[in-house]
Amino acid sequence: MAQKGVQLDRETFSCSICLDLLKDPVTIPCGHSYCMDCIKHHWDGELIHSCPQCKQSFTPRPVLLKNTMLAALVEKMKKTGLQAAPADLCYAGAEDVACDVCTGRKLRACKSCLMCLASYCDKHLQRHYEVGPLKKHKLVEPSKKLQENICSRHDEVMKMFCRTDQKCICYICNMEEHKGHNTVSAAAERTERQRELEGSRQNIQQRIQDREKEVKLLQQEVEAVNGSADKAVEYSEKMFTELIRLMEKRSSDVKQQVRSQQKREVSRVKELQEKLEQEISELKRRDAELKLLSHTEDHNQFLHSYPSLPALSEPTHSSSINIRPLRYFEDVTAALSAVRDILQDVLREERTNVSSTEVDVLLSAAEPTTRAGFLTYSQGITLDPNTANTELLLSEGSRKATYMEKHQCYSSHPDRFTFYEQVLSRESLTGRCYWEVEWRGRGVFVAVTYKNISRAGGGNECRFGFNDKSWSLDCKQNSYTFLYNIIRTPVSGPLSSRVGVYLDHRAGILSFYSISETMTLLHRVQTTFTQPLHAGLFLCYGATAELCKLK
């Protein structure tokens, strides 16, 4: 009896909103009491302020004042042993399934019985675990839809399914209006439909995988379109720079055509990609719905919901995805090369009318003798991130490279050097060019190389100066060494942290200079270059190298 009295006191001094002991209790005009924060939050955002228990409304919103007497009583009860309601005393809220056996204030149900067609809290569920016949009953998660399992005509549990009429029926229905129909147990029909559902899910999952692969291919195509377009624009700019000013207008026209085609191609691919992504989202949503339905333990609820599932939309046919070869604008570069060759032939024919002395001056002007003379051929060079080894950090507008102990997060790219700490310039070098490199640390290799130098692996075919595609000056703190095709040539000259490089591509001249207060020739190469060249840098451990801005 004492325990019963304590329980009564607990309910008396509990807030009906949070179901816990009152905190800062307030009493509203209708006489009911609540925690001040609970009733404030309950009224916030509401146009009509009413009591959660008796539903009496108040206009205007009542001013809440702490009920000091009630607060004192709650504190006194706490000191005498009254605490918050135990965790297992969970009353049913508006959204919960209530226990059908509880009287008065009902507890939250923890299971529903498909045989009894009732829901039970933990306490009243114990008989289903203790009484033999009740142990055989089917217990499921609490459900508010148990009455849907009762036949409206015979008030019997519907444990059968009529395949003829595609509906759940009871045993009496089976003997009367459904007599002679194709009927099975609800469990058997559920098993069959479950098998169909799993097949549908597998089909959906396969379609998701197929669409994701196609989206990936389309993304690669977008990257190929953009990359090819960028290279075509770069190539067109370079070619037209070498030609006379009268060709500049044509250069602008070509650039506009490439960008226009790029825009159309990207728009086409993006539109199809968006369509596939929307289809993937729909399939994922549908798969989630089927998954939720497949986990329903109530056979009748499953069978009731299954026929109402909408049909899947028609899939996008793979034939509509036209993956083109990853070459888009090579015809532009080929056409520009042909134009250049034609102009060069015209110039060669015109040179026959010029004296031999004038031809010599035209073909190979003398190499500059002063730094000011070299600077007239200076070219703004930047480093290409797509070629940089992952241990190199590019900065200063991609003009500076720093050796890093930690690998950088670069995307995968076929142009990247995978083993040696090397990087190439974005710009290809033809004609006359001059640039300078400022370096710090243990040493760097200042190089020029053909673009088709190998990138993957640690063989000599990838390393500057160790093959017939690259020429390199090894700069150390106490020495210089020139390398070509693995042949090392010691170089003497004043040591400096700045090196100048002069290239006359047509004349086949490559020269390296030590730059300090004076400019001193370190090494000069006379050869025949068969392809455009790129500037290159190889950094030793802890070194930095920067392509200098030359005025």
Protein backbone atom coordinates (compact mmCIF):
# COMPACT_ATOMS: atom_id res chain seq x y z
CA MET A 1 0.00 0.00 0.00
CA ALA A 2 2.90 2.35 0.77
CA GLN A 3 4.32 1.72 -2.71
CA LYS A 4 0.93 2.48 -4.25
CA GLY A 5 0.82 5.80 -2.39
CA VAL A 6 4.25 6.79 -3.66
CA GLN A 7 3.17 5.94 -7.21
CA LEU A 8 0.10 8.17 -6.81
CA ASP A 9 2.27 11.02 -5.59
CA ARG A 10 4.63 10.63 -8.52
CA GLU A 11 1.78 10.94 -11.04
CA THR A 12 0.29 13.87 -9.09
CA PHE A 13 3.50 15.88 -9.29
CA SER A 14 4.47 14.89 -12.86
CA CYS A 15 4.25 17.07 -15.99
CA SER A 16 1.93 15.49 -18.55
CA ILE A 17 4.15 16.81 -21.38
CA CYS A 18 7.59 15.47 -20.40
CA LEU A 19 6.18 12.77 -18.01
CA ASP A 20 8.84 13.70 -15.44
CA LEU A 21 8.64 15.49 -12.08
CA LEU A 22 7.65 19.15 -12.39
CA LYS A 23 10.53 21.60 -12.88
CA ASP A 24 9.74 25.28 -12.17
CA PRO A 25 6.02 24.39 -12.04
CA VAL A 26 3.46 26.87 -13.37
CA THR A 27 -0.32 26.63 -13.14
CA ILE A 28 -2.33 27.87 -16.12
CA PRO A 29 -5.87 29.41 -15.83
CA CYS A 30 -7.66 26.05 -16.18
CA GLY A 31 -5.86 24.73 -13.08
CA HIS A 32 -3.48 22.22 -14.69
CA SER A 33 0.23 22.47 -13.92
CA TYR A 34 3.26 21.97 -16.15
CA CYS A 35 7.01 22.57 -16.25
CA MET A 36 7.53 26.19 -17.29
CA ASP A 37 9.82 25.25 -20.22
CA CYS A 38 7.47 22.46 -21.37
CA ILE A 39 4.36 24.63 -21.65
CA LYS A 40 6.36 27.49 -23.21
CA HIS A 41 7.72 25.23 -25.94
CA HIS A 42 4.26 23.70 -26.40
CA TRP A 43 2.71 27.11 -27.05
CA ASP A 44 5.54 28.54 -29.18
CA GLY A 45 4.43 28.86 -32.79
CA GLU A 46 0.74 28.19 -32.04
CA LEU A 47 -1.97 30.73 -32.86
CA ILE A 48 -4.41 29.32 -30.25
CA HIS A 49 -2.96 28.60 -26.82
CA SER A 50 -4.76 25.71 -25.12
CA CYS A 51 -4.25 23.25 -22.26
CA PRO A 52 -2.72 19.94 -23.47
CA GLN A 53 -5.02 18.02 -21.08
CA CYS A 54 -8.45 19.66 -21.05
CA LYS A 55 -8.02 21.57 -24.36
CA GLN A 56 -9.40 24.81 -22.89
CA SER A 57 -8.07 27.75 -24.95
CA PHE A 58 -6.84 31.12 -23.69
CA THR A 59 -6.71 34.50 -25.40
CA PRO A 60 -4.37 36.26 -25.09
CA ARG A 61 -1.49 33.91 -24.21
CA PRO A 62 -1.38 33.61 -20.40
CA VAL A 63 1.53 35.10 -18.48
CA LEU A 64 3.35 32.22 -16.75
CA LEU A 65 4.34 32.66 -13.11
CA LYS A 66 6.12 30.06 -11.05
CA ASN A 67 3.83 28.23 -8.57
CA THR A 68 6.05 28.59 -5.50
CA MET A 69 3.89 26.38 -3.29
CA LEU A 70 3.85 23.54 -5.81
CA ALA A 71 7.58 23.94 -6.38
CA ALA A 72 8.20 23.66 -2.64
CA LEU A 73 6.07 20.51 -2.42
CA VAL A 74 7.99 18.90 -5.30
CA GLU A 75 11.32 19.70 -3.63
CA LYS A 76 10.08 18.32 -0.33
CA MET A 77 8.90 15.11 -2.00
CA LYS A 78 12.29 14.72 -3.68
CA LYS A 79 14.03 14.90 -0.30
CA THR A 80 11.72 12.23 1.11
CA GLY A 81 12.61 9.75 -1.65
CA LEU A 82 10.36 10.65 -4.58
CA GLN A 83 12.43 10.67 -7.79
CA ALA A 84 11.73 10.83 -11.49
CA ALA A 85 9.59 8.11 -12.98
CA PRO A 86 11.59 4.89 -13.61
CA ALA A 87 12.88 4.42 -17.15
CA ASP A 88 10.69 1.38 -17.74
CA LEU A 89 7.48 3.37 -16.91
CA CYS A 90 6.93 4.72 -20.43
CA TYR A 91 3.48 6.11 -21.01
CA ALA A 92 2.01 6.09 -24.51
CA GLY A 93 2.04 9.40 -26.35
CA ALA A 94 -0.14 10.55 -29.22
CA GLU A 95 2.08 8.86 -31.80
CA ASP A 96 2.64 5.64 -29.81
CA VAL A 97 0.70 2.36 -29.79
CA ALA A 98 -0.92 2.01 -26.34
CA CYS A 99 -1.27 -1.21 -24.36
CA ASP A 100 -4.81 -2.59 -24.76
CA VAL A 101 -4.80 -4.14 -21.27
CA CYS A 102 -3.65 -1.16 -19.18
CA THR A 103 -6.39 0.74 -17.36
CA GLY A 104 -6.26 4.43 -16.62
CA ARG A 105 -3.15 5.99 -18.07
CA LYS A 106 -1.89 3.45 -20.63
CA LEU A 107 1.71 2.41 -21.07
CA ARG A 108 3.44 2.21 -24.43
CA ALA A 109 3.05 -1.16 -26.16
CA CYS A 110 6.20 -3.11 -26.96
CA LYS A 111 4.57 -5.86 -29.10
CA SER A 112 1.35 -6.58 -30.98
CA CYS A 113 -0.11 -10.10 -31.24
CA LEU A 114 -1.52 -11.13 -34.62
CA MET A 115 -3.54 -13.91 -32.97
CA CYS A 116 -5.04 -11.89 -30.12
CA LEU A 117 -5.24 -8.77 -32.29
CA ALA A 118 -4.11 -6.72 -29.32
CA SER A 119 -1.03 -4.75 -28.25
CA TYR A 120 0.77 -5.23 -24.93
CA CYS A 121 3.24 -3.39 -22.72
CA ASP A 122 6.16 -5.31 -21.17
CA LYS A 123 4.16 -6.20 -18.07
CA HIS A 124 1.06 -7.53 -19.84
CA LEU A 125 3.12 -9.29 -22.51
CA GLN A 126 4.67 -11.68 -19.98
CA ARG A 127 1.78 -14.18 -20.29
CA HIS A 128 2.71 -14.71 -23.95
CA TYR A 129 6.15 -15.85 -22.78
CA GLU A 130 4.88 -17.98 -19.89
CA VAL A 131 1.60 -19.63 -20.97
CA GLY A 132 2.04 -22.57 -23.36
CA PRO A 133 -0.71 -21.84 -25.93
CA LEU A 134 0.17 -18.13 -25.97
CA LYS A 135 3.80 -18.90 -26.75
CA LYS A 136 2.71 -19.99 -30.24
CA HIS A 137 1.16 -16.64 -31.04
CA LYS A 138 2.83 -14.41 -33.65
CA LEU A 139 4.28 -11.28 -32.00
CA VAL A 140 5.26 -8.31 -34.18
CA GLU A 141 6.33 -4.71 -33.63
CA PRO A 142 3.53 -2.51 -32.20
CA SER A 143 0.94 -1.73 -34.89
CA LYS A 144 -2.11 0.51 -35.00
CA LYS A 145 -3.50 -1.41 -37.99
CA LEU A 146 -4.45 -4.69 -36.30
CA GLN A 147 -8.14 -4.20 -37.07
CA GLU A 148 -7.34 -4.37 -40.78
CA ASN A 149 -6.69 -8.09 -40.18
CA ILE A 150 -10.37 -8.65 -39.16
CA CYS A 151 -12.94 -9.63 -41.79
CA SER A 152 -15.60 -6.88 -41.85
CA ARG A 153 -18.36 -9.38 -42.69
CA HIS A 154 -17.61 -12.27 -40.33
CA ASP A 155 -15.50 -10.57 -37.63
CA GLU A 156 -12.85 -13.29 -38.06
CA VAL A 157 -9.10 -13.04 -38.52
CA MET A 158 -8.21 -13.12 -42.21
CA LYS A 159 -5.60 -15.86 -42.48
CA MET A 160 -6.18 -16.78 -46.12
CA PHE A 161 -5.64 -15.11 -49.48
CA CYS A 162 -7.90 -15.45 -52.52
CA ARG A 163 -5.75 -15.37 -55.65
CA THR A 164 -8.86 -15.23 -57.82
CA ASP A 165 -10.03 -11.96 -56.27
CA GLN A 166 -6.58 -10.85 -55.03
CA LYS A 167 -7.66 -10.13 -51.46
CA CYS A 168 -7.27 -11.40 -47.90
CA ILE A 169 -10.20 -13.45 -46.56
CA CYS A 170 -11.19 -15.41 -43.46
CA TYR A 171 -12.05 -19.13 -43.26
CA ILE A 172 -15.78 -18.42 -43.48
CA CYS A 173 -15.27 -16.35 -46.63
CA ASN A 174 -13.36 -19.31 -48.07
CA MET A 175 -16.36 -21.60 -47.44
CA GLU A 176 -19.00 -19.16 -48.73
CA GLU A 177 -18.54 -16.43 -51.36
CA HIS A 178 -14.99 -17.53 -52.25
CA LYS A 179 -15.83 -21.22 -52.46
CA GLY A 180 -14.16 -22.78 -55.48
CA HIS A 181 -11.69 -19.92 -55.84
CA ASN A 182 -7.93 -20.36 -55.90
CA THR A 183 -7.10 -19.75 -52.23
CA VAL A 184 -3.95 -20.26 -50.17
CA SER A 185 -2.80 -19.29 -46.71
CA ALA A 186 -1.69 -15.70 -46.23
CA ALA A 187 1.74 -16.98 -45.22
CA ALA A 188 2.10 -18.98 -48.46
CA GLU A 189 1.05 -15.99 -50.57
CA ARG A 190 3.45 -13.79 -48.62
CA THR A 191 6.29 -16.21 -49.40
CA GLU A 192 5.49 -16.06 -53.12
CA ARG A 193 5.18 -12.28 -53.16
CA GLN A 194 8.36 -11.95 -51.10
CA ARG A 195 10.18 -13.94 -53.77
CA GLU A 196 8.83 -11.58 -56.44
CA LEU A 197 9.85 -8.59 -54.35
CA GLU A 198 13.42 -9.86 -53.98
CA GLY A 199 13.57 -10.36 -57.73
CA SER A 200 12.40 -6.78 -58.25
CA ARG A 201 15.03 -5.52 -55.83
CA GLN A 202 17.78 -7.42 -57.61
CA ASN A 203 16.63 -5.95 -60.91
CA ILE A 204 16.62 -2.46 -59.43
CA GLN A 205 20.04 -2.88 -57.87
CA GLN A 206 21.46 -4.13 -61.16
CA ARG A 207 19.96 -1.15 -62.96
CA ILE A 208 21.47 1.17 -60.35
CA GLN A 209 24.91 -0.36 -60.94
CA ASP A 210 24.49 -0.09 -64.72
CA ARG A 211 23.38 3.53 -64.51
CA GLU A 212 26.23 4.45 -62.14
CA LYS A 213 28.77 2.91 -64.54
CA GLU A 214 27.24 4.86 -67.42
CA VAL A 215 27.29 8.08 -65.38
CA LYS A 216 30.98 7.48 -64.70
CA LEU A 217 31.65 6.97 -68.41
CA LEU A 218 29.77 10.16 -69.18
CA GLN A 219 31.80 12.05 -66.58
CA GLN A 220 34.97 10.76 -68.20
CA GLU A 221 33.64 11.98 -71.53
CA VAL A 222 33.00 15.43 -70.05
CA GLU A 223 36.57 15.52 -68.77
CA ALA A 224 37.85 14.36 -72.14
CA VAL A 225 35.83 17.03 -73.95
CA ASN A 226 37.11 19.76 -71.63
CA GLY A 227 40.70 18.51 -71.68
CA SER A 228 40.76 18.09 -75.44
CA ALA A 229 39.18 21.50 -75.94
CA ASP A 230 41.69 23.16 -73.61
CA LYS A 231 44.60 21.54 -75.44
CA ALA A 232 43.15 22.56 -78.80
CA VAL A 233 42.78 26.17 -77.67
CA GLU A 234 46.32 26.18 -76.26
CA TYR A 235 47.70 24.71 -79.48
CA SER A 236 45.80 27.19 -81.64
CA GLU A 237 47.10 30.10 -79.57
CA LYS A 238 50.67 28.88 -79.90
CA MET A 239 50.44 28.35 -83.64
CA PHE A 240 48.90 31.71 -84.36
CA THR A 241 51.43 33.44 -82.12
CA GLU A 242 54.15 32.13 -84.43
CA LEU A 243 52.37 33.49 -87.48
CA ILE A 244 52.02 37.10 -88.59
CA ARG A 245 49.43 39.45 -87.06
CA LEU A 246 47.12 39.07 -90.02
CA MET A 247 46.30 35.56 -88.74
CA GLU A 248 45.15 36.72 -85.26
CA LYS A 249 41.54 37.13 -86.36
CA ARG A 250 41.51 33.57 -87.63
CA SER A 251 42.92 32.40 -84.28
CA SER A 252 40.02 34.02 -82.47
CA ASP A 253 37.55 32.37 -84.87
CA VAL A 254 39.01 28.92 -84.25
CA LYS A 255 38.93 29.41 -80.50
CA GLN A 256 35.28 30.43 -80.64
CA GLN A 257 34.40 27.40 -82.76
CA VAL A 258 36.13 25.02 -80.37
CA ARG A 259 34.43 26.54 -77.34
CA SER A 260 31.05 26.46 -79.07
CA GLN A 261 31.47 22.79 -79.96
CA GLN A 262 32.74 22.10 -76.43
CA LYS A 263 29.65 23.78 -74.97
CA ARG A 264 27.32 21.77 -77.17
CA GLU A 265 29.05 18.47 -76.39
CA VAL A 266 29.22 19.13 -72.64
CA SER A 267 25.57 20.24 -72.63
CA ARG A 268 24.57 17.03 -74.41
CA VAL A 269 26.48 14.81 -72.01
CA LYS A 270 25.37 16.76 -68.91
CA GLU A 271 21.72 16.50 -69.94
CA LEU A 272 21.96 12.73 -70.31
CA GLN A 273 24.01 12.46 -67.12
CA GLU A 274 21.34 14.39 -65.19
CA LYS A 275 18.65 12.10 -66.57
CA LEU A 276 20.55 9.01 -65.41
CA GLU A 277 21.21 10.52 -61.98
CA GLN A 278 17.49 11.23 -61.59
CA GLU A 279 16.75 7.64 -62.57
CA ILE A 280 19.27 6.40 -60.00
CA SER A 281 17.61 8.52 -57.29
CA GLU A 282 14.20 7.13 -58.22
CA LEU A 283 15.51 3.57 -58.19
CA LYS A 284 17.19 4.06 -54.80
CA ARG A 285 13.99 5.52 -53.36
CA ARG A 286 11.97 2.64 -54.78
CA ASP A 287 14.47 0.11 -53.45
CA ALA A 288 14.19 1.67 -49.98
CA GLU A 289 10.38 1.36 -50.15
CA LEU A 290 10.60 -2.29 -51.20
CA LYS A 291 13.18 -2.98 -48.52
CA LEU A 292 10.90 -1.48 -45.84
CA LEU A 293 7.96 -3.50 -47.15
CA SER A 294 10.02 -6.70 -47.27
CA HIS A 295 10.75 -6.33 -43.55
CA THR A 296 7.06 -6.05 -42.62
CA GLU A 297 6.26 -8.93 -40.31
CA ASP A 298 2.49 -8.65 -40.71
CA HIS A 299 1.59 -10.81 -43.74
CA ASN A 300 -1.77 -9.14 -44.26
CA GLN A 301 -0.29 -5.65 -44.08
CA PHE A 302 2.35 -6.74 -46.60
CA LEU A 303 -0.26 -8.15 -48.96
CA HIS A 304 -2.43 -5.08 -48.50
CA SER A 305 0.40 -2.71 -49.46
CA TYR A 306 2.13 -4.76 -52.17
CA PRO A 307 -0.46 -4.33 -55.00
CA SER A 308 -0.50 -0.54 -54.51
CA LEU A 309 3.17 -0.13 -55.38
CA PRO A 310 3.49 1.92 -58.59
CA ALA A 311 5.21 0.43 -61.60
CA LEU A 312 8.79 1.39 -62.35
CA SER A 313 9.41 3.96 -65.04
CA GLU A 314 10.94 2.79 -68.29
CA PRO A 315 14.74 2.57 -68.00
CA THR A 316 17.05 4.68 -70.09
CA HIS A 317 18.29 2.42 -72.87
CA SER A 318 22.05 2.04 -72.98
CA SER A 319 21.86 2.52 -76.74
CA SER A 320 21.02 6.19 -76.15
CA ILE A 321 24.38 6.68 -74.46
CA ASN A 322 26.80 7.26 -77.29
CA ILE A 323 30.28 7.15 -75.80
CA ARG A 324 32.45 8.71 -78.41
CA PRO A 325 36.21 8.14 -78.74
CA LEU A 326 38.12 10.36 -76.30
CA ARG A 327 39.36 12.62 -79.13
CA TYR A 328 37.41 15.67 -80.08
CA PHE A 329 39.53 18.53 -81.36
CA GLU A 330 42.59 16.84 -82.83
CA ASP A 331 41.32 17.80 -86.28
CA VAL A 332 41.69 21.45 -85.23
CA THR A 333 45.34 21.01 -84.27
CA ALA A 334 45.99 19.00 -87.44
CA ALA A 335 44.47 21.74 -89.58
CA LEU A 336 46.54 24.41 -87.84
CA SER A 337 49.71 22.38 -88.34
CA ALA A 338 48.89 22.07 -92.04
CA VAL A 339 48.40 25.86 -92.28
CA ARG A 340 51.74 26.43 -90.58
CA ASP A 341 53.50 24.02 -92.97
CA ILE A 342 51.95 25.73 -95.97
CA LEU A 343 53.10 29.16 -94.73
CA GLN A 344 56.59 27.82 -94.04
CA ASP A 345 56.77 26.45 -97.60
CA VAL A 346 55.68 29.81 -98.95
CA LEU A 347 58.37 31.56 -96.91
CA ARG A 348 61.01 29.10 -98.14
CA GLU A 349 60.03 29.79 -101.73
CA GLU A 350 60.18 33.54 -101.14
CA ARG A 351 63.64 33.22 -99.55
CA THR A 352 65.12 32.14 -102.91
CA ASN A 353 64.93 35.80 -103.98
CA VAL A 354 66.94 36.94 -100.97
CA SER A 355 70.74 37.07 -100.90
CA SER A 356 72.58 34.30 -99.05
CA THR A 357 73.74 36.74 -96.39
CA GLU A 358 70.17 37.83 -95.72
CA VAL A 359 69.05 34.17 -95.58
CA ASP A 360 71.67 33.36 -92.96
CA VAL A 361 70.53 36.27 -90.85
CA LEU A 362 66.90 35.18 -91.23
CA LEU A 363 67.53 31.57 -90.29
CA SER A 364 69.99 31.92 -87.47
CA ALA A 365 70.55 35.26 -85.83
CA ALA A 366 73.52 35.50 -83.52
CA GLU A 367 73.14 34.33 -79.93
CA PRO A 368 72.77 37.26 -77.49
CA THR A 369 75.91 38.37 -75.65
CA THR A 370 74.32 40.27 -72.76
CA ARG A 371 71.64 39.40 -70.19
CA ALA A 372 69.54 42.24 -71.55
CA GLY A 373 69.72 40.59 -74.96
CA PHE A 374 68.59 37.24 -73.53
CA LEU A 375 65.72 38.90 -71.69
CA THR A 376 64.21 39.98 -75.01
CA TYR A 377 63.44 36.26 -75.55
CA SER A 378 62.14 35.66 -72.04
CA GLN A 379 58.96 33.57 -71.90
CA GLY A 380 56.48 33.23 -69.08
CA ILE A 381 56.62 29.54 -68.13
CA THR A 382 54.41 27.76 -65.58
CA LEU A 383 54.48 24.23 -64.23
CA ASP A 384 51.83 21.68 -65.24
CA PRO A 385 50.14 20.13 -62.13
CA ASN A 386 49.09 17.11 -64.21
CA THR A 387 52.76 16.14 -64.63
CA ALA A 388 53.97 16.84 -61.06
CA ASN A 389 55.10 13.91 -58.93
CA THR A 390 52.96 13.57 -55.79
CA GLU A 391 55.91 14.57 -53.57
CA LEU A 392 56.07 18.01 -55.21
CA LEU A 393 53.97 20.94 -54.01
CA LEU A 394 53.31 23.63 -56.63
CA SER A 395 52.77 27.23 -55.54
CA GLU A 396 53.28 30.86 -56.61
CA GLY A 397 50.87 30.44 -59.51
CA SER A 398 52.38 27.07 -60.47
CA ARG A 399 55.83 28.60 -60.93
CA LYS A 400 57.42 27.16 -57.75
CA ALA A 401 57.96 23.50 -56.84
CA THR A 402 58.83 22.27 -53.32
CA TYR A 403 59.90 18.76 -52.31
CA MET A 404 57.46 17.50 -49.64
CA GLU A 405 57.84 14.42 -47.44
CA LYS A 406 54.07 13.97 -47.45
CA HIS A 407 52.35 12.95 -50.69
CA GLN A 408 50.07 15.58 -52.21
CA CYS A 409 46.47 14.78 -53.09
CA TYR A 410 46.69 14.99 -56.87
CA SER A 411 44.15 13.29 -59.10
CA SER A 412 45.25 10.36 -61.21
CA HIS A 413 46.59 11.48 -64.59
CA PRO A 414 48.51 9.65 -67.34
CA ASP A 415 50.97 12.58 -67.71
CA ARG A 416 52.13 12.40 -64.05
CA PHE A 417 55.67 11.24 -63.15
CA THR A 418 55.00 8.34 -60.79
CA PHE A 419 58.53 7.69 -59.41
CA TYR A 420 60.91 10.62 -59.91
CA GLU A 421 60.24 14.00 -58.25
CA GLN A 422 59.89 15.73 -61.63
CA VAL A 423 57.53 18.21 -63.26
CA LEU A 424 57.15 19.71 -66.76
CA SER A 425 56.07 23.12 -67.99
CA ARG A 426 52.59 23.63 -69.37
CA GLU A 427 54.03 25.51 -72.34
CA SER A 428 55.80 23.82 -75.22
CA LEU A 429 58.96 25.61 -76.38
CA THR A 430 59.81 26.34 -80.01
CA GLY A 431 61.66 29.20 -81.66
CA ARG A 432 63.82 31.25 -79.30
CA CYS A 433 63.12 31.09 -75.57
CA TYR A 434 64.91 32.18 -72.40
CA TRP A 435 64.02 31.51 -68.74
CA GLU A 436 65.73 31.42 -65.36
CA VAL A 437 65.41 29.05 -62.40
CA GLU A 438 66.05 30.07 -58.75
CA TRP A 439 66.76 27.06 -56.51
CA ARG A 440 67.51 26.20 -52.86
CA GLY A 441 68.47 23.03 -50.99
CA ARG A 442 70.58 19.99 -51.82
CA GLY A 443 70.20 20.37 -55.57
CA VAL A 444 67.97 20.39 -58.65
CA PHE A 445 68.10 19.22 -62.27
CA VAL A 446 67.24 22.01 -64.73
CA ALA A 447 66.14 20.29 -67.94
CA VAL A 448 64.39 20.39 -71.29
CA THR A 449 62.61 17.34 -72.70
CA TYR A 450 60.30 16.10 -75.41
CA LYS A 451 56.71 15.71 -74.27
CA ASN A 452 56.67 11.97 -75.05
CA ILE A 453 59.20 11.14 -72.33
CA SER A 454 57.95 8.18 -70.28
CA ARG A 455 56.18 8.97 -66.99
CA ALA A 456 55.44 5.68 -65.19
CA GLY A 457 58.07 3.80 -63.20
CA GLY A 458 61.67 4.32 -62.09
CA GLY A 459 63.54 3.43 -65.28
CA ASN A 460 66.06 5.64 -67.10
CA GLU A 461 63.45 6.31 -69.79
CA CYS A 462 61.62 8.53 -67.26
CA ARG A 463 64.55 10.41 -65.71
CA PHE A 464 65.82 13.73 -67.06
CA GLY A 465 69.22 13.33 -68.74
CA PHE A 466 69.23 9.53 -68.71
CA ASN A 467 67.70 9.04 -72.18
CA ASP A 468 67.81 10.53 -75.70
CA LYS A 469 64.64 12.60 -75.11
CA SER A 470 65.94 14.99 -72.44
CA TRP A 471 68.91 17.26 -71.65
CA SER A 472 69.64 18.20 -68.02
CA LEU A 473 72.02 20.32 -65.90
CA ASP A 474 72.53 18.81 -62.43
CA CYS A 475 73.00 21.75 -60.04
CA LYS A 476 74.54 20.96 -56.64
CA GLN A 477 75.83 23.27 -53.93
CA ASN A 478 79.44 22.58 -54.95
CA SER A 479 79.30 21.40 -58.59
CA TYR A 480 77.53 21.22 -61.96
CA THR A 481 77.09 18.18 -64.22
CA PHE A 482 75.48 18.01 -67.65
CA LEU A 483 73.61 14.80 -68.53
CA TYR A 484 72.31 13.44 -71.82
CA ASN A 485 71.48 9.80 -72.60
CA ILE A 486 73.17 8.70 -69.29
CA ILE A 487 76.45 10.39 -70.35
CA ARG A 488 77.75 12.69 -67.58
CA THR A 489 79.85 15.72 -68.46
CA PRO A 490 81.46 17.69 -65.58
CA VAL A 491 80.84 21.43 -65.93
CA SER A 492 83.00 24.18 -64.44
CA GLY A 493 81.88 27.69 -63.67
CA PRO A 494 80.85 30.04 -60.86
CA LEU A 495 78.37 28.44 -58.46
CA SER A 496 75.04 30.24 -58.20
CA SER A 497 71.50 29.63 -56.93
CA ARG A 498 70.12 30.96 -60.23
CA VAL A 499 70.51 29.26 -63.62
CA GLY A 500 69.56 30.74 -67.01
CA VAL A 501 68.47 28.57 -69.96
CA TYR A 502 68.55 29.73 -73.59
CA LEU A 503 66.93 27.68 -76.37
CA ASP A 504 67.04 28.30 -80.12
CA HIS A 505 64.90 25.39 -81.26
CA ARG A 506 65.35 25.88 -85.01
CA ALA A 507 69.14 26.31 -84.73
CA GLY A 508 69.41 23.35 -82.32
CA ILE A 509 71.12 25.42 -79.61
CA LEU A 510 70.65 24.82 -75.86
CA SER A 511 72.78 26.84 -73.40
CA PHE A 512 72.96 26.96 -69.59
CA TYR A 513 74.24 30.04 -67.72
CA SER A 514 75.23 30.83 -64.15
CA ILE A 515 73.43 34.02 -63.11
CA SER A 516 74.82 36.27 -60.35
CA GLU A 517 76.23 39.77 -60.75
CA THR A 518 77.51 38.52 -64.10
CA MET A 519 76.20 35.97 -66.61
CA THR A 520 78.58 33.07 -67.32
CA LEU A 521 78.12 30.29 -69.88
CA LEU A 522 78.25 26.87 -68.18
CA HIS A 523 77.49 24.47 -71.05
CA ARG A 524 76.29 24.70 -74.64
CA VAL A 525 74.65 21.97 -76.77
CA GLN A 526 74.49 21.95 -80.57
CA THR A 527 72.06 19.34 -81.89
CA THR A 528 68.88 18.90 -83.94
CA PHE A 529 65.57 19.04 -82.09
CA THR A 530 62.88 16.96 -83.80
CA GLN A 531 59.94 17.89 -81.55
CA PRO A 532 58.77 20.85 -79.45
CA LEU A 533 60.42 20.89 -76.02
CA HIS A 534 59.15 21.43 -72.47
CA ALA A 535 61.07 22.88 -69.54
CA GLY A 536 61.54 20.39 -66.69
CA LEU A 537 62.62 20.35 -63.03
CA PHE A 538 63.86 17.44 -60.87
CA LEU A 539 64.12 18.22 -57.14
CA CYS A 540 66.43 16.49 -54.68
CA TYR A 541 65.25 15.82 -51.12
CA GLY A 542 64.13 19.06 -49.38
CA ALA A 543 64.86 21.32 -52.38
CA THR A 544 62.79 24.11 -53.92
CA ALA A 545 62.94 25.54 -57.46
CA GLU A 546 61.09 28.49 -58.96
CA LEU A 547 60.68 29.73 -62.52
CA CYS A 548 61.57 33.39 -62.16
CA LYS A 549 59.46 36.29 -63.36
CA LEU A 550 61.68 38.20 -65.79
CA LYS A 551 61.06 41.85 -66.59
